[in-house]
C-alpha atoms as a PDB file:
ATOM      1  CA  MET A   1      27.440   5.482  30.937  1.00  0.00           C
ATOM      2  CA  ALA A   2      28.827   8.375  28.962  1.00  0.00           C
ATOM      3  CA  ILE A   3      26.969  11.618  28.364  1.00  0.00           C
ATOM      4  CA  SER A   4      27.824  13.680  25.262  1.00  0.00           C
ATOM      5  CA  SER A   5      29.039  17.212  25.839  1.00  0.00           C
ATOM      6  CA  LYS A   6      27.432  18.376  22.635  1.00  0.00           C
ATOM      7  CA  ASP A   7      24.380  20.630  22.639  1.00  0.00           C
ATOM      8  CA  SER A   8      22.167  17.614  22.187  1.00  0.00           C
ATOM      9  CA  CYS A   9      22.340  13.834  21.734  1.00  0.00           C
ATOM     10  CA  ASN A  10      19.950  11.056  20.859  1.00  0.00           C
ATOM     11  CA  PRO A  11      20.798   7.850  22.711  1.00  0.00           C
ATOM     12  CA  ILE A  12      19.479   4.727  21.040  1.00  0.00           C
ATOM     13  CA  SER A  13      16.255   3.320  22.432  1.00  0.00           C
ATOM     14  CA  ARG A  14      15.496  -0.364  22.644  1.00  0.00           C
ATOM     15  CA  ALA A  15      12.090  -2.078  22.359  1.00  0.00           C
ATOM     16  CA  SER A  16      11.662  -4.575  25.197  1.00  0.00           C
ATOM     17  CA  GLY A  17       8.995  -7.275  25.456  1.00  0.00           C
ATOM     18  CA  ASN A  18       6.718  -7.840  28.397  1.00  0.00           C
ATOM     19  CA  GLU A  19       6.377 -11.335  29.805  1.00  0.00           C
ATOM     20  CA  ASP A  20       3.484 -10.249  32.036  1.00  0.00           C
ATOM     21  CA  LEU A  21       1.362  -8.941  29.154  1.00  0.00           C
ATOM     22  CA  LYS A  22      -2.270 -10.079  29.437  1.00  0.00           C
ATOM     23  CA  LEU A  23      -4.804 -10.583  26.667  1.00  0.00           C
ATOM     24  CA  GLU A  24      -7.158  -7.638  26.327  1.00  0.00           C
ATOM     25  CA  ASN A  25     -10.914  -8.253  26.593  1.00  0.00           C
ATOM     26  CA  SER A  26     -13.393  -6.407  24.415  1.00  0.00           C
ATOM     27  CA  LEU A  27     -17.179  -6.123  24.494  1.00  0.00           C
ATOM     28  CA  GLY A  28     -18.802  -4.276  21.644  1.00  0.00           C
ATOM     29  CA  TYR A  29     -22.296  -2.936  20.905  1.00  0.00           C
ATOM     30  CA  GLU A  30     -23.482  -1.900  17.423  1.00  0.00           C
ATOM     31  CA  ILE A  31     -26.742  -0.658  15.988  1.00  0.00           C
ATOM     32  CA  GLY A  32     -27.125  -0.334  12.290  1.00  0.00           C
ATOM     33  CA  TYR A  33     -29.644   0.662   9.614  1.00  0.00           C
ATOM     34  CA  LYS A  34     -29.751  -0.044   5.898  1.00  0.00           C
ATOM     35  CA  GLY A  35     -32.555   1.251   3.853  1.00  0.00           C
ATOM     36  CA  ILE A  36     -33.572   1.643   0.192  1.00  0.00           C
ATOM     37  CA  ILE A  37     -35.309   5.048   0.273  1.00  0.00           C
ATOM     38  CA  SER A  38     -36.212   5.038  -3.409  1.00  0.00           C
ATOM     39  CA  ASP A  39     -35.101   3.467  -6.608  1.00  0.00           C
ATOM     40  CA  LYS A  40     -32.254   6.009  -6.681  1.00  0.00           C
ATOM     41  CA  LEU A  41     -31.253   6.472  -2.972  1.00  0.00           C
ATOM     42  CA  TYR A  42     -29.677   3.942  -0.543  1.00  0.00           C
ATOM     43  CA  LEU A  43     -28.711   4.911   3.007  1.00  0.00           C
ATOM     44  CA  THR A  44     -26.699   3.204   5.769  1.00  0.00           C
ATOM     45  CA  ALA A  45     -26.032   4.253   9.432  1.00  0.00           C
ATOM     46  CA  ASP A  46     -24.064   2.512  12.163  1.00  0.00           C
ATOM     47  CA  ILE A  47     -23.380   3.443  15.728  1.00  0.00           C
ATOM     48  CA  TYR A  48     -20.904   1.430  17.882  1.00  0.00           C
ATOM     49  CA  TYR A  49     -19.554   1.371  21.407  1.00  0.00           C
ATOM     50  CA  ASN A  50     -16.593  -0.866  22.508  1.00  0.00           C
ATOM     51  CA  GLN A  51     -15.496  -1.507  26.094  1.00  0.00           C
ATOM     52  CA  ILE A  52     -11.864  -2.764  26.293  1.00  0.00           C
ATOM     53  CA  GLN A  53     -10.312  -4.032  29.526  1.00  0.00           C
ATOM     54  CA  ASP A  54      -6.540  -4.568  29.975  1.00  0.00           C
ATOM     55  CA  PHE A  55      -5.970  -2.613  26.819  1.00  0.00           C
ATOM     56  CA  VAL A  56      -2.594  -3.474  25.172  1.00  0.00           C
ATOM     57  CA  THR A  57      -0.557  -0.393  24.426  1.00  0.00           C
ATOM     58  CA  THR A  58       1.960   0.079  21.644  1.00  0.00           C
ATOM     59  CA  PHE A  59       5.638   0.447  22.592  1.00  0.00           C
ATOM     60  CA  VAL A  60       5.547   3.497  24.880  1.00  0.00           C
ATOM     61  CA  ALA A  61       7.414   4.850  27.877  1.00  0.00           C
ATOM     62  CA  ASN A  62       6.678   3.385  31.359  1.00  0.00           C
ATOM     63  CA  ALA A  63       4.258   0.710  30.127  1.00  0.00           C
ATOM     64  CA  ASN A  64       6.204  -2.265  31.552  1.00  0.00           C
ATOM     65  CA  LYS A  65       6.280  -2.162  35.345  1.00  0.00           C
ATOM     66  CA  ASP A  66       9.177  -4.683  35.335  1.00  0.00           C
ATOM     67  CA  LEU A  67      11.499  -2.130  33.830  1.00  0.00           C
ATOM     68  CA  GLN A  68      12.658  -0.232  36.869  1.00  0.00           C
ATOM     69  CA  ARG A  69      14.026   3.291  36.803  1.00  0.00           C
ATOM     70  CA  TRP A  70      17.834   3.254  36.648  1.00  0.00           C
ATOM     71  CA  GLU A  71      19.722   4.318  39.817  1.00  0.00           C
ATOM     72  CA  ALA A  72      23.453   4.450  40.301  1.00  0.00           C
ATOM     73  CA  ASP A  73      25.178   1.690  42.234  1.00  0.00           C
ATOM     74  CA  LEU A  74      28.820   2.654  42.806  1.00  0.00           C
ATOM     75  CA  GLY A  75      29.614  -0.342  44.904  1.00  0.00           C
ATOM     76  CA  ASP A  76      30.839  -1.026  48.424  1.00  0.00           C
ATOM     77  CA  GLY A  77      32.310   1.969  50.183  1.00  0.00           C
ATOM     78  CA  PHE A  78      30.741   4.501  47.801  1.00  0.00           C
ATOM     79  CA  GLU A  79      27.043   4.055  48.753  1.00  0.00           C
ATOM     80  CA  GLU A  80      26.781   7.625  50.051  1.00  0.00           C
ATOM     81  CA  TYR A  81      27.523   8.977  46.542  1.00  0.00           C
ATOM     82  CA  ASN A  82      24.787   6.877  44.776  1.00  0.00           C
ATOM     83  CA  ASP A  83      22.119   9.579  44.978  1.00  0.00           C
ATOM     84  CA  PHE A  84      24.547  12.220  43.738  1.00  0.00           C
ATOM     85  CA  ALA A  85      25.612  10.101  40.777  1.00  0.00           C
ATOM     86  CA  THR A  86      22.004   9.247  39.903  1.00  0.00           C
ATOM     87  CA  GLN A  87      20.971  12.877  39.963  1.00  0.00           C
ATOM     88  CA  TYR A  88      24.032  13.926  37.967  1.00  0.00           C
ATOM     89  CA  ILE A  89      23.167  11.482  35.160  1.00  0.00           C
ATOM     90  CA  TYR A  90      19.526  12.511  35.023  1.00  0.00           C
ATOM     91  CA  ASP A  91      20.444  16.232  35.005  1.00  0.00           C
ATOM     92  CA  ALA A  92      22.827  15.591  32.119  1.00  0.00           C
ATOM     93  CA  LEU A  93      20.133  13.683  30.215  1.00  0.00           C
ATOM     94  CA  ASP A  94      17.632  16.501  30.722  1.00  0.00           C
ATOM     95  CA  LYS A  95      20.198  18.985  29.361  1.00  0.00           C
ATOM     96  CA  TYR A  96      21.703  17.110  26.449  1.00  0.00           C
ATOM     97  CA  SER A  97      19.182  14.485  25.367  1.00  0.00           C
ATOM     98  CA  ASN A  98      15.691  14.772  23.873  1.00  0.00           C
ATOM     99  CA  ASN A  99      15.080  10.992  24.005  1.00  0.00           C
ATOM    100  CA  ILE A 100      11.731  10.339  25.681  1.00  0.00           C
ATOM    101  CA  ALA A 101      12.424   6.704  26.386  1.00  0.00           C
ATOM    102  CA  PRO A 102      13.104   6.358  30.117  1.00  0.00           C
ATOM    103  CA  LEU A 103      16.442   5.171  31.461  1.00  0.00           C
ATOM    104  CA  VAL A 104      15.917   1.744  32.996  1.00  0.00           C
ATOM    105  CA  GLN A 105      17.908  -1.188  34.341  1.00  0.00           C
ATOM    106  CA  LEU A 106      17.616  -4.263  32.083  1.00  0.00           C
ATOM    107  CA  ASN A 107      19.613  -7.365  32.974  1.00  0.00           C
ATOM    108  CA  GLY A 108      22.130  -5.298  34.808  1.00  0.00           C
ATOM    109  CA  THR A 109      22.599  -2.854  31.925  1.00  0.00           C
ATOM    110  CA  PRO A 110      21.348   0.793  31.953  1.00  0.00           C
ATOM    111  CA  LEU A 111      19.625   1.729  28.703  1.00  0.00           C
ATOM    112  CA  HIS A 112      16.724   3.683  27.220  1.00  0.00           C
ATOM    113  CA  ALA A 113      13.843   1.247  26.622  1.00  0.00           C
ATOM    114  CA  LEU A 114      10.222   1.345  25.465  1.00  0.00           C
ATOM    115  CA  SER A 115       7.812  -1.539  26.060  1.00  0.00           C
ATOM    116  CA  ASN A 116       4.140  -2.447  25.818  1.00  0.00           C
ATOM    117  CA  GLY A 117       1.799  -3.187  28.660  1.00  0.00           C
ATOM    118  CA  ASN A 118      -1.794  -3.296  29.870  1.00  0.00           C
ATOM    119  CA  ILE A 119      -3.670  -0.230  31.072  1.00  0.00           C
ATOM    120  CA  GLY A 120      -6.967   0.122  32.924  1.00  0.00           C
ATOM    121  CA  SER A 121      -9.620   0.417  30.204  1.00  0.00           C
ATOM    122  CA  VAL A 122     -10.547   2.142  26.943  1.00  0.00           C
ATOM    123  CA  ASN A 123     -14.040   2.972  25.745  1.00  0.00           C
ATOM    124  CA  GLN A 124     -14.377   3.565  22.018  1.00  0.00           C
ATOM    125  CA  TYR A 125     -17.400   4.980  20.309  1.00  0.00           C
ATOM    126  CA  GLY A 126     -18.387   6.380  16.943  1.00  0.00           C
ATOM    127  CA  LEU A 127     -20.722   6.378  13.987  1.00  0.00           C
ATOM    128  CA  GLU A 128     -20.591   5.744  10.235  1.00  0.00           C
ATOM    129  CA  LEU A 129     -22.968   7.221   7.748  1.00  0.00           C
ATOM    130  CA  GLY A 130     -23.256   6.352   4.041  1.00  0.00           C
ATOM    131  CA  ALA A 131     -25.343   7.224   1.035  1.00  0.00           C
ATOM    132  CA  ASN A 132     -25.488   6.057  -2.564  1.00  0.00           C
ATOM    133  CA  TYR A 133     -27.497   8.031  -5.108  1.00  0.00           C
ATOM    134  CA  HIS A 134     -28.022   6.876  -8.720  1.00  0.00           C
ATOM    135  CA  PHE A 135     -28.597   9.741 -11.075  1.00  0.00           C
ATOM    136  CA  THR A 136     -28.886   7.239 -13.902  1.00  0.00           C
ATOM    137  CA  GLU A 137     -28.067   3.520 -14.292  1.00  0.00           C
ATOM    138  CA  GLU A 138     -24.501   4.556 -15.199  1.00  0.00           C
ATOM    139  CA  LEU A 139     -23.908   7.604 -12.970  1.00  0.00           C
ATOM    140  CA  LYS A 140     -23.626   7.170  -9.184  1.00  0.00           C
ATOM    141  CA  LEU A 141     -22.654   9.386  -6.230  1.00  0.00           C
ATOM    142  CA  THR A 142     -21.272   7.797  -3.030  1.00  0.00           C
ATOM    143  CA  LEU A 143     -20.887   9.649   0.307  1.00  0.00           C
ATOM    144  CA  ASN A 144     -19.405   8.373   3.571  1.00  0.00           C
ATOM    145  CA  TYR A 145     -18.787  10.069   6.961  1.00  0.00           C
ATOM    146  CA  MET A 146     -17.028   8.473   9.940  1.00  0.00           C
ATOM    147  CA  TYR A 147     -16.712   9.822  13.537  1.00  0.00           C
ATOM    148  CA  TYR A 148     -14.537   8.324  16.214  1.00  0.00           C
ATOM    149  CA  ASP A 149     -13.703   9.148  19.828  1.00  0.00           C
ATOM    150  CA  ALA A 150     -12.287   7.265  22.846  1.00  0.00           C
ATOM    151  CA  GLU A 151     -12.296   7.559  26.598  1.00  0.00           C
ATOM    152  CA  ILE A 152      -9.024   6.338  28.136  1.00  0.00           C
ATOM    153  CA  ASN A 153      -9.186   5.468  31.827  1.00  0.00           C
ATOM    154  CA  LEU A 154      -5.676   5.285  33.295  1.00  0.00           C
ATOM    155  CA  GLU A 155      -4.702   3.782  36.597  1.00  0.00           C
ATOM    156  CA  PRO A 156      -1.822   5.164  38.795  1.00  0.00           C
ATOM    157  CA  GLY A 157       1.424   4.487  37.050  1.00  0.00           C
ATOM    158  CA  ASP A 158      -0.127   3.801  33.617  1.00  0.00           C
ATOM    159  CA  PRO A 159       1.635   5.431  30.643  1.00  0.00           C
ATOM    160  CA  GLN A 160       0.026   8.146  28.567  1.00  0.00           C
ATOM    161  CA  ILE A 161      -1.516   6.835  25.358  1.00  0.00           C
ATOM    162  CA  LEU A 162      -3.532   8.263  22.459  1.00  0.00           C
ATOM    163  CA  PRO A 163      -5.983   6.600  20.015  1.00  0.00           C
ATOM    164  CA  ASN A 164      -3.834   7.614  17.011  1.00  0.00           C
ATOM    165  CA  THR A 165      -7.058   7.894  15.014  1.00  0.00           C
ATOM    166  CA  PRO A 166      -8.673  10.927  13.331  1.00  0.00           C
ATOM    167  CA  PRO A 167     -11.989  12.017  14.847  1.00  0.00           C
ATOM    168  CA  HIS A 168     -13.512  12.873  11.459  1.00  0.00           C
ATOM    169  CA  ARG A 169     -13.162  11.241   8.014  1.00  0.00           C
ATOM    170  CA  MET A 170     -15.150  11.875   4.879  1.00  0.00           C
ATOM    171  CA  ASN A 171     -15.141  10.161   1.454  1.00  0.00           C
ATOM    172  CA  ALA A 172     -17.004  11.070  -1.688  1.00  0.00           C
ATOM    173  CA  ALA A 173     -16.915   9.507  -5.110  1.00  0.00           C
ATOM    174  CA  ILE A 174     -18.705   9.983  -8.387  1.00  0.00           C
ATOM    175  CA  SER A 175     -18.514   7.235 -10.888  1.00  0.00           C
ATOM    176  CA  TYR A 176     -19.690   6.433 -14.409  1.00  0.00           C
ATOM    177  CA  ASN A 177     -19.928   2.776 -15.415  1.00  0.00           C
ATOM    178  CA  VAL A 178     -20.952   1.286 -18.725  1.00  0.00           C
ATOM    179  CA  PRO A 179     -20.910  -2.493 -18.219  1.00  0.00           C
ATOM    180  CA  GLU A 180     -18.595  -4.455 -20.554  1.00  0.00           C
ATOM    181  CA  GLU A 181     -17.277  -1.165 -22.001  1.00  0.00           C
ATOM    182  CA  TYR A 182     -15.596   1.294 -19.575  1.00  0.00           C
ATOM    183  CA  ASP A 183     -15.805   2.928 -16.188  1.00  0.00           C
ATOM    184  CA  ILE A 184     -14.319   6.051 -14.589  1.00  0.00           C
ATOM    185  CA  SER A 185     -14.387   7.353 -11.055  1.00  0.00           C
ATOM    186  CA  LEU A 186     -13.238  10.446  -9.154  1.00  0.00           C
ATOM    187  CA  GLN A 187     -12.812  10.066  -5.370  1.00  0.00           C
ATOM    188  CA  MET A 188     -12.246  12.559  -2.597  1.00  0.00           C
ATOM    189  CA  ASN A 189     -10.815  11.596   0.817  1.00  0.00           C
ATOM    190  CA  TYR A 190     -10.682  13.972   3.789  1.00  0.00           C
ATOM    191  CA  VAL A 191      -8.998  13.173   7.090  1.00  0.00           C
ATOM    192  CA  ASP A 192      -9.130  15.509  10.112  1.00  0.00           C
ATOM    193  CA  GLU A 193      -5.999  16.344  12.056  1.00  0.00           C
ATOM    194  CA  TYR A 194      -5.191  14.229  15.136  1.00  0.00           C
ATOM    195  CA  ASP A 195      -2.587  13.798  17.784  1.00  0.00           C
ATOM    196  CA  TRP A 196      -0.106  10.896  17.559  1.00  0.00           C
ATOM    197  CA  LEU A 197       1.852   9.031  20.205  1.00  0.00           C
ATOM    198  CA  ALA A 198       3.747   5.812  19.443  1.00  0.00           C
ATOM    199  CA  GLY A 199       7.176   4.977  20.849  1.00  0.00           C
ATOM    200  CA  ILE A 200       9.397   7.986  20.533  1.00  0.00           C
ATOM    201  CA  GLN A 201       7.155   9.556  17.873  1.00  0.00           C
ATOM    202  CA  ILE A 202       4.948  12.274  19.456  1.00  0.00           C
ATOM    203  CA  GLY A 203       3.252  14.976  17.424  1.00  0.00           C
ATOM    204  CA  LYS A 204       0.256  15.958  15.304  1.00  0.00           C
ATOM    205  CA  VAL A 205      -0.824  14.496  11.907  1.00  0.00           C
ATOM    206  CA  PRO A 206      -2.258  17.429   9.979  1.00  0.00           C
ATOM    207  CA  SER A 207      -5.541  17.271   8.154  1.00  0.00           C
ATOM    208  CA  TYR A 208      -5.406  16.523   4.438  1.00  0.00           C
ATOM    209  CA  MET A 209      -7.717  16.156   1.437  1.00  0.00           C
ATOM    210  CA  LEU A 210      -6.838  13.890  -1.476  1.00  0.00           C
ATOM    211  CA  PHE A 211      -8.351  13.310  -4.891  1.00  0.00           C
ATOM    212  CA  ASN A 212      -7.893  10.012  -6.697  1.00  0.00           C
ATOM    213  CA  VAL A 213      -8.903   8.858 -10.195  1.00  0.00           C
ATOM    214  CA  SER A 214      -9.538   5.377 -11.483  1.00  0.00           C
ATOM    215  CA  ALA A 215     -10.559   4.216 -14.927  1.00  0.00           C
ATOM    216  CA  GLY A 216     -11.033   0.893 -16.687  1.00  0.00           C
ATOM    217  CA  TYR A 217     -11.562  -0.099 -20.299  1.00  0.00           C
ATOM    218  CA  ASP A 218     -12.629  -3.424 -21.718  1.00  0.00           C
ATOM    219  CA  ILE A 219     -10.375  -3.947 -24.747  1.00  0.00           C
ATOM    220  CA  THR A 220     -11.922  -7.336 -25.498  1.00  0.00           C
ATOM    221  CA  GLU A 221     -14.309  -9.692 -23.731  1.00  0.00           C
ATOM    222  CA  ASN A 222     -11.306 -11.114 -21.769  1.00  0.00           C
ATOM    223  CA  LEU A 223      -8.800  -8.219 -21.718  1.00  0.00           C
ATOM    224  CA  ASN A 224      -9.172  -5.209 -19.450  1.00  0.00           C
ATOM    225  CA  ALA A 225      -6.925  -2.115 -19.003  1.00  0.00           C
ATOM    226  CA  GLY A 226      -6.949  -0.216 -15.747  1.00  0.00           C
ATOM    227  CA  LEU A 227      -5.484   3.067 -14.511  1.00  0.00           C
ATOM    228  CA  TYR A 228      -5.416   4.363 -10.911  1.00  0.00           C
ATOM    229  CA  ILE A 229      -3.872   7.664  -9.780  1.00  0.00           C
ATOM    230  CA  TYR A 230      -3.561   8.190  -6.029  1.00  0.00           C
ATOM    231  CA  ASN A 231      -3.169  11.737  -4.782  1.00  0.00           C
ATOM    232  CA  LEU A 232      -3.897  13.316  -8.112  1.00  0.00           C
ATOM    233  CA  PHE A 233      -2.738  16.819  -7.192  1.00  0.00           C
ATOM    234  CA  ASN A 234       0.339  15.583  -5.341  1.00  0.00           C
ATOM    235  CA  GLU A 235      -0.871  16.908  -2.015  1.00  0.00           C
ATOM    236  CA  THR A 236       1.914  16.902   0.630  1.00  0.00           C
ATOM    237  CA  HIS A 237       0.748  14.730   3.479  1.00  0.00           C
ATOM    238  CA  PHE A 238       1.640  11.881   5.818  1.00  0.00           C
ATOM    239  CA  GLN A 239      -0.609   9.392   7.533  1.00  0.00           C
ATOM    240  CA  VAL A 240       1.715   8.519  10.496  1.00  0.00           C
ATOM    241  CA  PHE A 241       3.686  10.999  12.531  1.00  0.00           C
ATOM    242  CA  GLY A 242       7.346  10.360  11.869  1.00  0.00           C
ATOM    243  CA  GLY A 243       6.458   8.560   8.624  1.00  0.00           C
ATOM    244  CA  THR A 244       7.322   9.490   5.070  1.00  0.00           C
ATOM    245  CA  PHE A 245       5.430  11.982   2.884  1.00  0.00           C
ATOM    246  CA  ILE A 246       3.228  10.124   0.384  1.00  0.00           C
ATOM    247  CA  PRO A 247       3.499  11.556  -3.169  1.00  0.00           C
ATOM    248  CA  ARG A 248       1.319  10.987  -6.232  1.00  0.00           C
ATOM    249  CA  LEU A 249       1.253   7.318  -7.206  1.00  0.00           C
ATOM    250  CA  SER A 250       0.106   5.987 -10.541  1.00  0.00           C
ATOM    251  CA  THR A 251      -0.670   2.356 -11.426  1.00  0.00           C
ATOM    252  CA  PHE A 252      -1.487   0.866 -14.820  1.00  0.00           C
ATOM    253  CA  LYS A 253      -2.503  -2.751 -15.212  1.00  0.00           C
ATOM    254  CA  LEU A 254      -3.646  -5.188 -17.869  1.00  0.00           C
ATOM    255  CA  THR A 255      -5.929  -8.041 -16.844  1.00  0.00           C
ATOM    256  CA  TYR A 256      -6.653 -11.070 -18.951  1.00  0.00           C
ATOM    257  CA  ASN A 257      -9.419 -13.466 -17.827  1.00  0.00           C
ATOM    258  CA  PHE A 258      -9.220 -17.064 -19.100  1.00  0.00           C
END
C-alpha cells in the first residue's frame, strides 16, 4: 500500500455486500382521523409509531462485521515489526487522508470499504396534519404539516446511522379550478434542516422553501395544455447531502384524449 506525500489524498472506497444480512422486521401502529367539519372545511390527522428490528443500514462504515480491520502481515521472520508497520500506515492515513471508509482486509487485499448491515432496533414516530378549505366551489386552500423523529438503539459495535429525514415539513397550496375550462395553482413547500449520513457523505442539508406554479387550459374537449414550474424563484437548495443543486425546472405538455 502506498501513501501519498501530498497534503491530502482521497483513496477510492469500495461498496461491499453482506452475505449475513438479515431481513428487517417492522411492526407499525397508526391512528387517524378524517372529518368534514363543514361544507367548506375538511380535516385529517394521523399519528404513527413503527418498531423496526434488525434495521438494515445503508452503506456505512463498520456495518459488516465480516470486514475485519486491516493489520500488517510482513511474513515470516518479520513478525515483530507487524505492529509498527500497522501503526505507521494508520498514522499516515490520519495525516494525509480524509476518507472515512475504514481500511479492511477483503479477500487478502487491503482497501477502504463500506457495507450495509443490521443494527439493534429503530423506533420511528410522527404525525401528519392536513386541512382543505373551500372559499368557493372554484377556490381552495390546502395545508399539510408533517413531523418525524426516530430513536436509534445501537448495540456494541454497531455503526453510527442517521434517519436522513427532516423533522418538520410543511406544504401549502391555493388553487382555482373551473371544470372543463382552466385551472391554476400556487404551491409552497418548506423542509426543515436535517443531518445526513450515507456512505462517505456526512453533513447537513439546510432548510429550504420553494414555490411552484402549475396551470392547465382545456383548448378543446379532448386537447389540454399544461404548464408546471418547479422552484419558481430559483432558490438554491439540495435534497441530499453531496447531491447536486436543483435549479428552476419548467415543463410544458399537450395532452390529447381519444
